[in-house]
Amino acid sequence: MAPAVVTGTAPPCQLGLGFARVKPLRTLTLLLLGLGLFTPSCASKEALGVGSVSILGGVINDPRNKSLRFDVLRFGLERFCFEMTRRGVPLKLADDQPVIGRFFAASCSSQVLDDDARQSFVVQFAGKGYGWTQPTGRVGFEASGLMEYAPDFQLEDGVMYVYFRPKQVDAVKFSLTQDAQGQPMVENALTRGGMALLGIDANELGRKIALGQLRRGFTVLRLGSSGEVEFGMGLIPPGQRPFRPFQVKNATKLALVNERTEVHRQQQDLVGAFEVSEDDQALFVDATLDGAEAVDVLVVPKHAGDAILEHLTHAPGPAQLPSQPLLSDVLGAAQPYRRYLPLPKGLYYLVFDNSAGVGQVGPPQIAGDDRAAKIDYLVQLGDRL
């Protein structure tokens, strides 16, 4: 699918003021698919003070000003755990590939090491998630780890590339969750039995893959004087940009997520949770679909999304909705989709459903046919119309 262009409104989030206010950072990767765990966040002007805001735009670009630069990065990372525990982290086989699972942190703590000999950030996390692969179907897992990052940056054509280089990755643990029968949560029973017969330790395999991905680090890009911020896994070379399916131009709405996901038949993807912080705000959803005739688009409150997550990580098959969705809509193939959803203050999940028995549509039942629905989607937060 070619990148779509969305025009609108989104206040730029300045790296000098922390990281994007509602986006999560990303950095972590698990099981036979790779799990990258990031959490963008952006601070308010009040958090640093009006005086400091007025000077950061120029001073932060001076490579000699290491102390101020470190303070700014530290402030951004203080939001890391808050955002990471709120939002699911997308799992991908490669940076430019669709999302095929999510990791949701249940706990997170961070520490700043700041002295003459050592300036770095330490983050410890634990949580659970799900992912899909051809041989396994959906799998559920739990993961935890500890990471230490050293920040650095380069300037290229007016873009600041801020690198979080891993100094140490330690105590990485990975284990498959169990279903109601106490078996590892691997949907494909033949694969689960074959792994046992061959003596394959999926937990150790997942741990090694997680370690490899965590050692890649992540990159924050600050784009010119506007202060717009982008995030990407690994150390992105100067002059390159992370993949985004939608090009947002002149936007005053705040982009919460801009991704491509892949949802196989009889599967669901849980995106969020997104925070609506004021009663006069709304969510704006843009999407396009390829590879399937139609899928269901649902919006549910956090308590319902949490119940869906519990099912996706511990049981095969699609989750039933625990309550009526706030939005139940259909996304059709080759039909640009745009919806405006005013909501009261709270946390909300977006659910893409490619299964029968949930929502309004379901994929045809064709033996051996498991073509995935490929969905590009953009979720923005803005003022009510």
Protein backbone atom coordinates (compact mmCIF):
# COMPACT_ATOMS: atom_id res chain seq x y z
CA MET A 1 0.00 0.00 0.00
CA ALA A 2 1.34 3.42 -0.91
CA PRO A 3 1.70 5.97 1.90
CA ALA A 4 -1.46 8.03 2.39
CA VAL A 5 -1.39 11.77 2.97
CA VAL A 6 -3.42 13.29 5.80
CA THR A 7 -3.72 17.02 6.29
CA GLY A 8 -4.92 18.48 9.54
CA THR A 9 -3.36 19.83 12.68
CA ALA A 10 -0.89 18.58 15.32
CA PRO A 11 1.21 20.66 17.67
CA PRO A 12 4.85 19.70 17.23
CA CYS A 13 6.41 17.90 20.16
CA GLN A 14 9.88 19.23 20.90
CA LEU A 15 12.68 16.97 21.93
CA GLY A 16 13.94 19.86 24.02
CA LEU A 17 10.74 19.63 26.05
CA GLY A 18 10.86 15.92 26.69
CA PHE A 19 9.47 13.40 24.17
CA ALA A 20 6.09 13.26 22.51
CA ARG A 21 3.32 13.79 25.05
CA VAL A 22 1.10 10.91 24.04
CA LYS A 23 3.23 8.66 21.90
CA PRO A 24 5.16 5.78 23.45
CA LEU A 25 8.97 5.22 23.01
CA ARG A 26 9.84 1.84 21.61
CA THR A 27 12.49 -0.80 22.32
CA LEU A 28 12.13 -4.62 23.12
CA THR A 29 11.51 -7.75 20.97
CA LEU A 30 10.28 -11.20 21.90
CA LEU A 31 9.73 -14.77 20.66
CA LEU A 32 10.17 -15.98 17.09
CA LEU A 33 9.15 -12.55 15.77
CA GLY A 34 11.22 -9.92 17.56
CA LEU A 35 9.80 -7.44 20.04
CA GLY A 36 10.82 -3.77 19.94
CA LEU A 37 10.02 -1.72 23.02
CA PHE A 38 9.75 2.05 22.72
CA THR A 39 7.75 4.74 24.46
CA PRO A 40 7.59 8.25 23.03
CA SER A 41 6.39 10.96 25.40
CA CYS A 42 6.31 14.74 25.31
CA ALA A 43 6.45 17.15 28.22
CA SER A 44 4.48 20.31 28.74
CA LYS A 45 6.14 23.72 28.77
CA GLU A 46 5.19 24.14 32.40
CA ALA A 47 7.23 21.06 33.33
CA LEU A 48 10.53 22.71 32.41
CA GLY A 49 9.59 26.32 32.92
CA VAL A 50 8.93 29.07 30.36
CA GLY A 51 12.49 30.38 30.52
CA SER A 52 14.11 27.07 29.71
CA VAL A 53 11.64 26.45 26.88
CA SER A 54 12.65 29.69 25.18
CA ILE A 55 16.34 28.75 24.96
CA LEU A 56 16.23 25.02 24.30
CA GLY A 57 15.59 25.32 20.58
CA GLY A 58 19.07 26.69 19.89
CA VAL A 59 21.14 25.42 22.81
CA ILE A 60 20.16 21.76 22.46
CA ASN A 61 21.68 21.74 18.97
CA ASP A 62 25.13 22.67 20.35
CA PRO A 63 27.12 19.41 20.74
CA ARG A 64 29.33 21.12 23.33
CA ASN A 65 26.42 21.61 25.72
CA LYS A 66 26.50 18.07 27.08
CA SER A 67 25.06 18.92 30.50
CA LEU A 68 21.87 20.58 29.24
CA ARG A 69 21.45 17.96 26.55
CA PHE A 70 21.66 15.19 29.15
CA ASP A 71 19.14 16.98 31.39
CA VAL A 72 16.68 17.23 28.50
CA LEU A 73 17.10 13.57 27.57
CA ARG A 74 16.73 12.60 31.22
CA PHE A 75 13.45 14.50 31.46
CA GLY A 76 12.16 12.67 28.38
CA LEU A 77 13.12 9.28 29.76
CA GLU A 78 11.38 10.02 33.07
CA ARG A 79 8.19 9.68 31.01
CA PHE A 80 9.36 6.35 29.60
CA CYS A 81 7.76 4.07 32.16
CA PHE A 82 4.56 6.11 32.43
CA GLU A 83 3.95 5.84 28.70
CA MET A 84 5.21 2.25 28.34
CA THR A 85 2.75 0.92 30.90
CA ARG A 86 -0.11 2.77 29.19
CA ARG A 87 0.47 1.64 25.59
CA GLY A 88 1.18 -1.62 23.81
CA VAL A 89 4.53 -1.95 22.07
CA PRO A 90 4.31 -3.16 18.44
CA LEU A 91 6.18 -6.35 17.48
CA LYS A 92 7.72 -6.65 14.00
CA LEU A 93 9.95 -9.08 12.15
CA ALA A 94 11.79 -6.07 10.70
CA ASP A 95 11.52 -2.29 11.02
CA ASP A 96 9.69 -1.88 7.69
CA GLN A 97 7.38 -4.89 8.20
CA PRO A 98 3.79 -4.89 9.54
CA VAL A 99 2.99 -5.30 13.22
CA ILE A 100 2.30 -8.97 14.11
CA GLY A 101 1.87 -8.70 17.87
CA ARG A 102 2.05 -6.46 20.94
CA PHE A 103 3.87 -6.27 24.26
CA PHE A 104 2.13 -4.60 27.22
CA ALA A 105 4.28 -3.59 30.21
CA ALA A 106 2.69 -4.19 33.61
CA SER A 107 5.57 -2.70 35.60
CA CYS A 108 8.48 -0.42 34.81
CA SER A 109 11.09 1.54 36.74
CA SER A 110 13.87 3.84 35.56
CA GLN A 111 17.03 5.28 37.08
CA VAL A 112 19.38 8.02 35.90
CA LEU A 113 23.12 7.52 36.41
CA ASP A 114 24.62 11.00 36.25
CA ASP A 115 28.19 11.65 37.40
CA ASP A 116 31.51 12.59 35.83
CA ALA A 117 32.38 9.01 34.99
CA ARG A 118 28.97 7.68 33.92
CA GLN A 119 25.93 9.27 32.30
CA SER A 120 23.30 6.76 31.25
CA PHE A 121 19.73 5.56 31.80
CA VAL A 122 18.69 2.23 33.33
CA VAL A 123 15.20 0.84 32.68
CA GLN A 124 13.71 -2.32 34.18
CA PHE A 125 10.41 -3.71 32.84
CA ALA A 126 8.06 -6.69 33.01
CA GLY A 127 4.86 -7.51 31.15
CA LYS A 128 3.05 -9.81 28.73
CA GLY A 129 2.05 -9.90 25.11
CA TYR A 130 1.06 -11.91 22.06
CA GLY A 131 2.44 -12.49 18.57
CA TRP A 132 1.59 -14.43 15.43
CA THR A 133 3.81 -16.61 13.22
CA GLN A 134 2.94 -19.07 10.43
CA PRO A 135 4.12 -22.22 12.24
CA THR A 136 2.73 -21.34 15.67
CA GLY A 137 -0.40 -19.30 15.10
CA ARG A 138 -0.83 -16.88 17.97
CA VAL A 139 1.39 -17.29 21.01
CA GLY A 140 1.15 -15.64 24.42
CA PHE A 141 4.22 -14.77 26.46
CA GLU A 142 5.61 -12.98 29.50
CA ALA A 143 8.91 -11.07 29.44
CA SER A 144 11.12 -8.98 31.69
CA GLY A 145 14.53 -7.36 31.42
CA LEU A 146 16.93 -4.63 32.44
CA MET A 147 18.57 -2.19 30.01
CA GLU A 148 21.20 0.53 30.34
CA TYR A 149 21.48 3.15 27.58
CA ALA A 150 24.06 5.83 26.79
CA PRO A 151 22.66 8.82 24.82
CA ASP A 152 24.46 10.57 21.96
CA PHE A 153 23.44 12.61 18.92
CA GLN A 154 24.43 13.72 15.42
CA LEU A 155 23.16 16.56 13.21
CA GLU A 156 22.37 16.02 9.52
CA ASP A 157 20.63 18.57 7.24
CA GLY A 158 18.86 20.25 10.15
CA VAL A 159 17.70 16.93 11.69
CA MET A 160 19.01 15.85 15.11
CA TYR A 161 19.51 12.10 15.44
CA VAL A 162 19.51 11.21 19.15
CA TYR A 163 20.89 7.74 19.75
CA PHE A 164 20.23 5.56 22.78
CA ARG A 165 23.09 3.09 22.52
CA PRO A 166 22.80 0.00 24.74
CA LYS A 167 25.61 -0.25 27.29
CA GLN A 168 24.26 -3.31 29.07
CA VAL A 169 21.31 -5.67 28.62
CA ASP A 170 20.84 -8.00 31.56
CA ALA A 171 18.35 -10.30 33.31
CA VAL A 172 16.24 -10.88 30.19
CA LYS A 173 13.59 -13.50 30.88
CA PHE A 174 10.99 -14.93 28.51
CA SER A 175 8.32 -17.59 29.00
CA LEU A 176 5.19 -18.71 27.18
CA THR A 177 1.95 -18.12 29.05
CA GLN A 178 -0.33 -21.06 29.82
CA ASP A 179 -3.84 -21.74 28.59
CA ALA A 180 -6.73 -23.02 30.72
CA GLN A 181 -5.38 -26.60 30.48
CA GLY A 182 -1.93 -25.56 31.73
CA GLN A 183 -0.37 -25.96 28.27
CA PRO A 184 1.92 -23.37 26.63
CA MET A 185 -0.21 -20.81 24.78
CA VAL A 186 0.68 -21.86 21.22
CA GLU A 187 -2.43 -21.93 19.03
CA ASN A 188 -1.10 -24.55 16.62
CA ALA A 189 -1.27 -27.80 18.59
CA LEU A 190 0.92 -29.66 16.06
CA THR A 191 3.68 -27.09 16.47
CA ARG A 192 3.40 -27.23 20.26
CA GLY A 193 3.70 -31.04 20.20
CA GLY A 194 6.55 -30.97 17.69
CA MET A 195 8.58 -28.58 19.82
CA ALA A 196 8.26 -30.94 22.78
CA LEU A 197 9.29 -33.97 20.71
CA LEU A 198 12.31 -32.21 19.25
CA GLY A 199 13.37 -30.85 22.64
CA ILE A 200 13.11 -27.22 21.52
CA ASP A 201 13.01 -24.79 24.46
CA ALA A 202 10.79 -21.96 23.18
CA ASN A 203 11.48 -19.90 26.31
CA GLU A 204 15.25 -19.96 25.76
CA LEU A 205 14.80 -19.26 22.04
CA GLY A 206 12.61 -16.27 22.82
CA ARG A 207 15.10 -15.00 25.41
CA LYS A 208 17.95 -15.06 22.89
CA ILE A 209 15.88 -13.22 20.28
CA ALA A 210 14.84 -10.62 22.86
CA LEU A 211 18.47 -10.11 23.83
CA GLY A 212 19.48 -9.59 20.22
CA GLN A 213 16.80 -6.98 19.65
CA LEU A 214 17.40 -5.11 22.91
CA ARG A 215 21.06 -4.71 21.94
CA ARG A 216 20.01 -2.68 18.89
CA GLY A 217 18.97 0.38 20.93
CA PHE A 218 16.70 3.06 19.44
CA THR A 219 16.81 6.46 17.76
CA VAL A 220 14.89 9.69 18.36
CA LEU A 221 14.76 12.18 15.48
CA ARG A 222 14.11 15.90 16.03
CA LEU A 223 13.18 17.48 12.69
CA GLY A 224 14.47 21.01 12.26
CA SER A 225 13.18 24.08 14.08
CA SER A 226 9.60 22.77 14.23
CA GLY A 227 10.55 20.30 16.97
CA GLU A 228 8.60 17.43 15.35
CA VAL A 229 9.78 14.08 16.77
CA GLU A 230 9.99 10.60 15.25
CA PHE A 231 11.16 7.30 16.75
CA GLY A 232 12.70 4.18 15.24
CA MET A 233 14.22 0.88 16.34
CA GLY A 234 17.97 0.48 16.09
CA LEU A 235 20.51 3.18 15.27
CA ILE A 236 19.08 4.94 12.20
CA PRO A 237 21.86 6.38 9.96
CA PRO A 238 21.83 10.17 9.49
CA GLY A 239 19.72 11.10 6.47
CA GLN A 240 17.26 8.22 6.85
CA ARG A 241 13.76 8.20 8.44
CA PRO A 242 11.53 5.55 10.09
CA PHE A 243 8.73 4.09 7.96
CA ARG A 244 5.28 5.71 8.41
CA PRO A 245 2.29 4.68 6.22
CA PHE A 246 0.59 8.09 6.52
CA GLN A 247 2.26 11.38 5.70
CA VAL A 248 0.71 13.95 8.03
CA LYS A 249 1.06 17.48 6.67
CA ASN A 250 0.24 20.72 8.48
CA ALA A 251 -1.45 18.82 11.29
CA THR A 252 -2.67 20.47 14.48
CA LYS A 253 -3.96 17.17 15.89
CA LEU A 254 -1.48 15.09 17.87
CA ALA A 255 -0.56 11.78 16.19
CA LEU A 256 -0.81 8.95 18.71
CA VAL A 257 0.10 6.09 16.36
CA ASN A 258 0.96 5.79 12.65
CA GLU A 259 1.57 2.13 11.78
CA ARG A 260 0.87 -0.85 9.54
CA THR A 261 -0.46 -4.06 11.06
CA GLU A 262 -1.19 -7.56 9.76
CA VAL A 263 -4.24 -9.40 11.14
CA HIS A 264 -4.67 -13.03 10.05
CA ARG A 265 -7.99 -14.84 9.80
CA GLN A 266 -9.70 -15.55 13.10
CA GLN A 267 -7.30 -13.09 14.78
CA GLN A 268 -7.53 -9.66 16.39
CA ASP A 269 -5.11 -6.83 17.10
CA LEU A 270 -5.42 -4.61 20.18
CA VAL A 271 -4.01 -1.10 19.71
CA GLY A 272 -3.59 1.36 22.58
CA ALA A 273 -4.58 2.31 25.19
CA PHE A 274 -5.02 5.93 24.07
CA GLU A 275 -5.68 8.66 26.61
CA VAL A 276 -8.34 11.31 26.06
CA SER A 277 -7.28 13.78 28.74
CA GLU A 278 -10.01 16.42 28.32
CA ASP A 279 -13.77 16.22 27.80
CA ASP A 280 -13.56 18.54 24.78
CA GLN A 281 -11.23 16.18 22.86
CA ALA A 282 -11.85 13.47 20.28
CA LEU A 283 -10.05 10.64 18.51
CA PHE A 284 -9.59 10.83 14.75
CA VAL A 285 -8.98 7.49 12.97
CA ASP A 286 -7.76 7.09 9.37
CA ALA A 287 -7.21 3.64 7.84
CA THR A 288 -6.85 1.70 4.59
CA LEU A 289 -7.17 -2.06 4.02
CA ASP A 290 -5.52 -4.54 1.65
CA GLY A 291 -5.53 -8.34 1.49
CA ALA A 292 -9.13 -8.82 2.74
CA GLU A 293 -12.58 -7.65 1.71
CA ALA A 294 -13.42 -6.11 5.07
CA VAL A 295 -12.53 -6.12 8.77
CA ASP A 296 -14.25 -4.78 11.86
CA VAL A 297 -13.02 -1.61 13.55
CA LEU A 298 -13.98 -1.40 17.23
CA VAL A 299 -13.28 1.10 19.99
CA VAL A 300 -13.65 -0.10 23.59
CA PRO A 301 -12.89 1.41 27.02
CA LYS A 302 -9.79 0.26 28.87
CA HIS A 303 -11.50 -2.30 31.13
CA ALA A 304 -12.88 -4.09 28.06
CA GLY A 305 -9.53 -3.89 26.28
CA ASP A 306 -7.78 -5.38 29.31
CA ALA A 307 -10.17 -8.34 29.20
CA ILE A 308 -9.48 -8.83 25.49
CA LEU A 309 -5.72 -8.74 26.18
CA GLU A 310 -6.11 -11.41 28.86
CA HIS A 311 -7.77 -13.68 26.30
CA LEU A 312 -5.25 -12.98 23.53
CA THR A 313 -2.32 -13.87 25.82
CA HIS A 314 -3.86 -16.96 27.45
CA ALA A 315 -6.39 -18.57 25.07
CA PRO A 316 -6.67 -19.54 21.39
CA GLY A 317 -9.23 -18.04 19.03
CA PRO A 318 -10.69 -14.54 18.98
CA ALA A 319 -11.82 -12.80 22.16
CA GLN A 320 -15.50 -12.06 22.66
CA LEU A 321 -16.34 -8.48 23.59
CA PRO A 322 -17.07 -8.18 27.32
CA SER A 323 -19.38 -5.20 26.69
CA GLN A 324 -20.85 -3.17 23.83
CA PRO A 325 -18.14 -1.28 21.92
CA LEU A 326 -18.22 2.51 21.76
CA LEU A 327 -17.66 2.22 18.01
CA SER A 328 -18.44 -0.75 15.77
CA ASP A 329 -17.59 -0.02 12.16
CA VAL A 330 -16.48 -1.75 8.97
CA LEU A 331 -13.26 -1.01 7.10
CA GLY A 332 -13.59 -2.09 3.47
CA ALA A 333 -10.84 -2.80 0.97
CA ALA A 334 -9.70 0.06 -1.28
CA GLN A 335 -11.97 2.49 0.59
CA PRO A 336 -10.24 5.27 2.53
CA TYR A 337 -11.63 5.24 6.07
CA ARG A 338 -11.92 8.29 8.32
CA ARG A 339 -13.86 8.50 11.57
CA TYR A 340 -14.30 11.18 14.22
CA LEU A 341 -15.06 9.92 17.73
CA PRO A 342 -15.73 12.41 20.56
CA LEU A 343 -15.16 10.69 23.91
CA PRO A 344 -15.18 11.63 27.60
CA LYS A 345 -11.91 11.65 29.53
CA GLY A 346 -10.50 8.15 29.81
CA LEU A 347 -8.40 5.40 28.22
CA TYR A 348 -9.51 3.56 25.07
CA TYR A 349 -8.36 0.70 22.85
CA LEU A 350 -8.75 0.33 19.10
CA VAL A 351 -9.48 -3.26 18.01
CA PHE A 352 -9.06 -4.64 14.48
CA ASP A 353 -11.08 -7.85 14.14
CA ASN A 354 -10.66 -10.32 11.26
CA SER A 355 -12.73 -13.12 12.78
CA ALA A 356 -16.24 -14.53 12.53
CA GLY A 357 -18.67 -14.06 15.39
CA VAL A 358 -17.36 -10.66 16.52
CA GLY A 359 -18.46 -7.40 14.95
CA GLN A 360 -20.40 -7.08 11.71
CA VAL A 361 -18.24 -9.00 9.21
CA GLY A 362 -16.13 -12.14 9.16
CA PRO A 363 -13.69 -13.75 6.74
CA PRO A 364 -14.98 -16.60 4.54
CA GLN A 365 -14.17 -20.07 5.84
CA ILE A 366 -11.81 -21.53 3.21
CA ALA A 367 -9.65 -24.47 4.23
CA GLY A 368 -5.95 -23.68 4.06
CA ASP A 369 -6.53 -20.03 3.19
CA ASP A 370 -4.98 -17.75 5.81
CA ARG A 371 -4.41 -14.52 3.93
CA ALA A 372 -3.89 -11.64 6.32
CA ALA A 373 -5.65 -8.29 6.36
CA LYS A 374 -2.99 -5.58 6.00
CA ILE A 375 -4.13 -2.37 7.64
CA ASP A 376 -2.51 1.06 7.60
CA TYR A 377 -3.87 3.24 10.40
CA LEU A 378 -3.39 6.64 11.92
CA VAL A 379 -4.90 7.66 15.28
CA GLN A 380 -4.83 11.32 16.25
CA LEU A 381 -6.04 13.30 19.27
CA GLY A 382 -7.55 16.70 18.76
CA ASP A 383 -10.25 19.18 19.74
CA ARG A 384 -13.88 18.30 19.15
CA LEU A 385 -15.35 19.65 15.96
